[in-house]
Amino acid sequence: VSQAQVLRAMEYGDVFVAASELGATATSLLKDAAAYEGPCVLLLAAAAAVSGDSEWTAFSYDPRREDTGASAFVAEGAQVRKEIQGFLARESLLTLVAKKSLPQERGADADVEGDLAGGLADASKTVTILYTSDTGHGEECGKAIARQCRNGGFANSSVRCCTLDSFD
């Protein structure tokens, strides 16, 4: 298993993912993973195997951090490999797009009728993500976009992610 393969698990959003050297940090990550109520993917490497490797980035991705407003991704060092930087850039871009597409909050002085009309208009906003794939990458990307929409403020019920063949 390579670090790039472990990295793909982050695209699902609700998976605890970590890559670390064996030692005290690994023990802490194992405890965090055991406490996580969901799937976990851990890559633990011997220090001798990754020492001096410019392609190695020790990190953890814990979706529970987002509940407190913190970033789910935390790198242990200053150097972050290109694939991880690319993933984080995509996540940030999708979040910005989702937030920009959300309806603006209304002021406290808006009338009741206007609030009702606005609420009904906002409720009708849905996102449908269609994907098709032979390798599964299209599905992963579609689910990542759906997750970003949900994290960006769209209601779970208003985000639909399905195969192109099943769309009616």
C-alpha atoms as a PDB file:
ATOM      1  CA  VAL A   1       0.000   0.000   0.000  1.00  0.00           C
ATOM      2  CA  SER A   2       1.383   3.379  -0.947  1.00  0.00           C
ATOM      3  CA  GLN A   3       0.749   6.724   0.684  1.00  0.00           C
ATOM      4  CA  ALA A   4      -1.050   7.849  -2.482  1.00  0.00           C
ATOM      5  CA  GLN A   5      -3.547   4.996  -2.091  1.00  0.00           C
ATOM      6  CA  VAL A   6      -4.177   5.923   1.533  1.00  0.00           C
ATOM      7  CA  LEU A   7      -4.677   9.506   0.382  1.00  0.00           C
ATOM      8  CA  ARG A   8      -7.634   8.440  -1.791  1.00  0.00           C
ATOM      9  CA  ALA A   9      -9.575   7.415   1.321  1.00  0.00           C
ATOM     10  CA  MET A  10      -9.779  11.112   2.304  1.00  0.00           C
ATOM     11  CA  GLU A  11     -12.008  11.728  -0.722  1.00  0.00           C
ATOM     12  CA  TYR A  12     -14.856   9.937   1.052  1.00  0.00           C
ATOM     13  CA  GLY A  13     -14.849  12.562   3.805  1.00  0.00           C
ATOM     14  CA  ASP A  14     -16.164  10.433   6.648  1.00  0.00           C
ATOM     15  CA  VAL A  15     -13.037   8.284   6.937  1.00  0.00           C
ATOM     16  CA  PHE A  16     -10.288   8.730   9.516  1.00  0.00           C
ATOM     17  CA  VAL A  17      -7.028   8.606   7.554  1.00  0.00           C
ATOM     18  CA  ALA A  18      -3.457   8.858   8.811  1.00  0.00           C
ATOM     19  CA  ALA A  19       0.086   8.180   7.696  1.00  0.00           C
ATOM     20  CA  SER A  20       2.837   8.170  10.304  1.00  0.00           C
ATOM     21  CA  GLU A  21       6.112   6.681  11.376  1.00  0.00           C
ATOM     22  CA  LEU A  22       6.016   3.971  14.043  1.00  0.00           C
ATOM     23  CA  GLY A  23       6.510   5.421  17.514  1.00  0.00           C
ATOM     24  CA  ALA A  24       4.741   7.726  19.949  1.00  0.00           C
ATOM     25  CA  THR A  25       2.806   9.550  17.232  1.00  0.00           C
ATOM     26  CA  ALA A  26       1.579   6.238  15.836  1.00  0.00           C
ATOM     27  CA  THR A  27       0.344   5.199  19.280  1.00  0.00           C
ATOM     28  CA  SER A  28      -1.632   8.435  19.566  1.00  0.00           C
ATOM     29  CA  LEU A  29      -3.090   7.964  16.068  1.00  0.00           C
ATOM     30  CA  LEU A  30      -4.120   4.388  16.897  1.00  0.00           C
ATOM     31  CA  LYS A  31      -6.013   5.669  19.955  1.00  0.00           C
ATOM     32  CA  ASP A  32      -7.703   8.385  17.857  1.00  0.00           C
ATOM     33  CA  ALA A  33      -8.652   5.828  15.195  1.00  0.00           C
ATOM     34  CA  ALA A  34     -10.051   3.436  17.821  1.00  0.00           C
ATOM     35  CA  ALA A  35     -12.242   6.243  19.188  1.00  0.00           C
ATOM     36  CA  TYR A  36     -13.533   7.184  15.721  1.00  0.00           C
ATOM     37  CA  GLU A  37     -16.995   5.817  14.925  1.00  0.00           C
ATOM     38  CA  GLY A  38     -16.476   5.012  11.287  1.00  0.00           C
ATOM     39  CA  PRO A  39     -13.968   3.541   8.862  1.00  0.00           C
ATOM     40  CA  CYS A  40     -10.264   4.173   9.480  1.00  0.00           C
ATOM     41  CA  VAL A  41      -7.267   3.797   7.190  1.00  0.00           C
ATOM     42  CA  LEU A  42      -3.809   3.978   8.778  1.00  0.00           C
ATOM     43  CA  LEU A  43      -0.417   3.660   7.104  1.00  0.00           C
ATOM     44  CA  LEU A  44       2.371   3.109   9.605  1.00  0.00           C
ATOM     45  CA  ALA A  45       5.925   2.952   8.327  1.00  0.00           C
ATOM     46  CA  ALA A  46       9.224   2.136   9.979  1.00  0.00           C
ATOM     47  CA  ALA A  47      11.300   5.275  10.502  1.00  0.00           C
ATOM     48  CA  ALA A  48      14.195   3.725   8.543  1.00  0.00           C
ATOM     49  CA  ALA A  49      11.916   3.175   5.528  1.00  0.00           C
ATOM     50  CA  VAL A  50      10.807   6.807   5.211  1.00  0.00           C
ATOM     51  CA  SER A  51      13.792   8.678   6.636  1.00  0.00           C
ATOM     52  CA  GLY A  52      14.972  11.190   4.055  1.00  0.00           C
ATOM     53  CA  ASP A  53      12.170  10.293   1.619  1.00  0.00           C
ATOM     54  CA  SER A  54      10.990  13.533  -0.008  1.00  0.00           C
ATOM     55  CA  GLU A  55       7.739  11.827  -1.059  1.00  0.00           C
ATOM     56  CA  TRP A  56       6.714  10.995   2.528  1.00  0.00           C
ATOM     57  CA  THR A  57       4.299  13.234   4.411  1.00  0.00           C
ATOM     58  CA  ALA A  58       3.150  12.281   7.878  1.00  0.00           C
ATOM     59  CA  PHE A  59      -0.447  13.474   8.351  1.00  0.00           C
ATOM     60  CA  SER A  60      -3.805  12.805   9.904  1.00  0.00           C
ATOM     61  CA  TYR A  61      -7.263  13.494   8.479  1.00  0.00           C
ATOM     62  CA  ASP A  62      -9.941  13.456  11.167  1.00  0.00           C
ATOM     63  CA  PRO A  63     -13.421  14.622  10.025  1.00  0.00           C
ATOM     64  CA  ARG A  64     -14.387  15.293  13.675  1.00  0.00           C
ATOM     65  CA  ARG A  65     -12.136  18.363  13.641  1.00  0.00           C
ATOM     66  CA  GLU A  66     -14.475  20.066  11.162  1.00  0.00           C
ATOM     67  CA  ASP A  67     -17.214  20.097  13.829  1.00  0.00           C
ATOM     68  CA  THR A  68     -15.095  22.534  15.846  1.00  0.00           C
ATOM     69  CA  GLY A  69     -14.283  24.685  12.817  1.00  0.00           C
ATOM     70  CA  ALA A  70     -10.742  23.326  12.463  1.00  0.00           C
ATOM     71  CA  SER A  71      -9.253  21.754   9.363  1.00  0.00           C
ATOM     72  CA  ALA A  72      -9.746  18.001   9.161  1.00  0.00           C
ATOM     73  CA  PHE A  73      -6.250  17.664   7.655  1.00  0.00           C
ATOM     74  CA  VAL A  74      -3.122  18.196   9.752  1.00  0.00           C
ATOM     75  CA  ALA A  75       0.398  17.581   8.440  1.00  0.00           C
ATOM     76  CA  GLU A  76       3.055  16.669  11.002  1.00  0.00           C
ATOM     77  CA  GLY A  77       5.824  18.518   9.182  1.00  0.00           C
ATOM     78  CA  ALA A  78       6.283  21.565   7.005  1.00  0.00           C
ATOM     79  CA  GLN A  79       6.790  19.552   3.813  1.00  0.00           C
ATOM     80  CA  VAL A  80       3.599  18.291   2.150  1.00  0.00           C
ATOM     81  CA  ARG A  81       3.789  16.172  -0.992  1.00  0.00           C
ATOM     82  CA  LYS A  82       2.220  17.426  -4.234  1.00  0.00           C
ATOM     83  CA  GLU A  83      -0.668  14.936  -4.312  1.00  0.00           C
ATOM     84  CA  ILE A  84      -1.807  16.022  -0.859  1.00  0.00           C
ATOM     85  CA  GLN A  85      -1.479  19.718  -1.721  1.00  0.00           C
ATOM     86  CA  GLY A  86      -3.582  19.096  -4.843  1.00  0.00           C
ATOM     87  CA  PHE A  87      -6.261  17.301  -2.841  1.00  0.00           C
ATOM     88  CA  LEU A  88      -6.428  20.088  -0.259  1.00  0.00           C
ATOM     89  CA  ALA A  89      -6.633  22.730  -3.005  1.00  0.00           C
ATOM     90  CA  ARG A  90      -9.576  20.901  -4.633  1.00  0.00           C
ATOM     91  CA  GLU A  91     -11.341  20.598  -1.276  1.00  0.00           C
ATOM     92  CA  SER A  92     -10.913  24.331  -0.619  1.00  0.00           C
ATOM     93  CA  LEU A  93     -12.151  25.255  -4.087  1.00  0.00           C
ATOM     94  CA  LEU A  94     -15.234  23.041  -3.796  1.00  0.00           C
ATOM     95  CA  THR A  95     -16.044  24.518  -0.379  1.00  0.00           C
ATOM     96  CA  LEU A  96     -15.784  28.061  -1.744  1.00  0.00           C
ATOM     97  CA  VAL A  97     -18.050  27.224  -4.694  1.00  0.00           C
ATOM     98  CA  ALA A  98     -20.615  25.577  -2.406  1.00  0.00           C
ATOM     99  CA  LYS A  99     -20.638  28.525   0.014  1.00  0.00           C
ATOM    100  CA  LYS A 100     -20.907  31.052  -2.811  1.00  0.00           C
ATOM    101  CA  SER A 101     -23.938  29.184  -4.172  1.00  0.00           C
ATOM    102  CA  LEU A 102     -25.780  29.181  -0.850  1.00  0.00           C
ATOM    103  CA  PRO A 103     -28.592  31.641  -0.210  1.00  0.00           C
ATOM    104  CA  GLN A 104     -27.714  34.705   1.872  1.00  0.00           C
ATOM    105  CA  GLU A 105     -29.229  35.050   5.341  1.00  0.00           C
ATOM    106  CA  ARG A 106     -32.055  37.524   5.686  1.00  0.00           C
ATOM    107  CA  GLY A 107     -32.075  40.457   8.074  1.00  0.00           C
ATOM    108  CA  ALA A 108     -34.179  40.453  11.238  1.00  0.00           C
ATOM    109  CA  ASP A 109     -36.499  43.149   9.845  1.00  0.00           C
ATOM    110  CA  ALA A 110     -37.747  41.049   6.892  1.00  0.00           C
ATOM    111  CA  ASP A 111     -41.509  40.502   6.896  1.00  0.00           C
ATOM    112  CA  VAL A 112     -43.031  37.105   7.623  1.00  0.00           C
ATOM    113  CA  GLU A 113     -44.450  36.682   4.123  1.00  0.00           C
ATOM    114  CA  GLY A 114     -41.060  37.447   2.582  1.00  0.00           C
ATOM    115  CA  ASP A 115     -39.384  34.972   4.911  1.00  0.00           C
ATOM    116  CA  LEU A 116     -41.864  32.273   3.915  1.00  0.00           C
ATOM    117  CA  ALA A 117     -41.347  32.910   0.202  1.00  0.00           C
ATOM    118  CA  GLY A 118     -37.579  32.993   0.659  1.00  0.00           C
ATOM    119  CA  GLY A 119     -37.633  29.802   2.668  1.00  0.00           C
ATOM    120  CA  LEU A 120     -39.664  28.005   0.025  1.00  0.00           C
ATOM    121  CA  ALA A 121     -37.328  29.242  -2.704  1.00  0.00           C
ATOM    122  CA  ASP A 122     -34.271  28.112  -0.724  1.00  0.00           C
ATOM    123  CA  ALA A 123     -35.852  24.706  -0.058  1.00  0.00           C
ATOM    124  CA  SER A 124     -36.229  24.101  -3.769  1.00  0.00           C
ATOM    125  CA  LYS A 125     -32.480  24.449  -4.395  1.00  0.00           C
ATOM    126  CA  THR A 126     -31.030  21.029  -4.985  1.00  0.00           C
ATOM    127  CA  VAL A 127     -27.777  19.667  -6.335  1.00  0.00           C
ATOM    128  CA  THR A 128     -27.625  16.550  -8.472  1.00  0.00           C
ATOM    129  CA  ILE A 129     -24.212  15.045  -9.173  1.00  0.00           C
ATOM    130  CA  LEU A 130     -24.082  12.404 -11.872  1.00  0.00           C
ATOM    131  CA  TYR A 131     -21.046  10.226 -12.488  1.00  0.00           C
ATOM    132  CA  THR A 132     -20.006   7.321 -14.627  1.00  0.00           C
ATOM    133  CA  SER A 133     -16.809   5.358 -14.286  1.00  0.00           C
ATOM    134  CA  ASP A 134     -15.169   2.071 -15.126  1.00  0.00           C
ATOM    135  CA  THR A 135     -12.445   2.392 -12.512  1.00  0.00           C
ATOM    136  CA  GLY A 136     -14.417   3.967  -9.649  1.00  0.00           C
ATOM    137  CA  HIS A 137     -12.596   7.313  -9.768  1.00  0.00           C
ATOM    138  CA  GLY A 138     -15.665   9.100 -11.153  1.00  0.00           C
ATOM    139  CA  GLU A 139     -17.710   7.807  -8.225  1.00  0.00           C
ATOM    140  CA  GLU A 140     -15.062   8.971  -5.749  1.00  0.00           C
ATOM    141  CA  CYS A 141     -15.020  12.448  -7.300  1.00  0.00           C
ATOM    142  CA  GLY A 142     -18.819  12.649  -7.340  1.00  0.00           C
ATOM    143  CA  LYS A 143     -19.018  11.670  -3.671  1.00  0.00           C
ATOM    144  CA  ALA A 144     -16.320  14.209  -2.795  1.00  0.00           C
ATOM    145  CA  ILE A 145     -18.306  16.968  -4.509  1.00  0.00           C
ATOM    146  CA  ALA A 146     -21.506  15.870  -2.749  1.00  0.00           C
ATOM    147  CA  ARG A 147     -19.713  15.896   0.597  1.00  0.00           C
ATOM    148  CA  GLN A 148     -18.404  19.399  -0.045  1.00  0.00           C
ATOM    149  CA  CYS A 149     -21.894  20.601  -0.916  1.00  0.00           C
ATOM    150  CA  ARG A 150     -23.225  19.151   2.347  1.00  0.00           C
ATOM    151  CA  ASN A 151     -20.307  20.617   4.328  1.00  0.00           C
ATOM    152  CA  GLY A 152     -20.870  23.937   2.561  1.00  0.00           C
ATOM    153  CA  GLY A 153     -24.426  24.217   3.877  1.00  0.00           C
ATOM    154  CA  PHE A 154     -26.734  22.391   1.487  1.00  0.00           C
ATOM    155  CA  ALA A 155     -29.159  20.114   3.313  1.00  0.00           C
ATOM    156  CA  ASN A 156     -28.365  16.398   3.079  1.00  0.00           C
ATOM    157  CA  SER A 157     -31.733  15.821   1.447  1.00  0.00           C
ATOM    158  CA  SER A 158     -31.033  18.427  -1.243  1.00  0.00           C
ATOM    159  CA  VAL A 159     -27.794  16.807  -2.462  1.00  0.00           C
ATOM    160  CA  ARG A 160     -28.184  13.793  -4.707  1.00  0.00           C
ATOM    161  CA  CYS A 161     -25.228  11.763  -6.005  1.00  0.00           C
ATOM    162  CA  CYS A 162     -25.892   8.848  -8.338  1.00  0.00           C
ATOM    163  CA  THR A 163     -24.807   7.089 -11.501  1.00  0.00           C
ATOM    164  CA  LEU A 164     -25.811   8.525 -14.833  1.00  0.00           C
ATOM    165  CA  ASP A 165     -27.676   5.302 -15.624  1.00  0.00           C
ATOM    166  CA  SER A 166     -29.859   5.548 -12.513  1.00  0.00           C
ATOM    167  CA  PHE A 167     -30.865   9.171 -13.053  1.00  0.00           C
ATOM    168  CA  ASP A 168     -34.529   9.605 -13.967  1.00  0.00           C
END
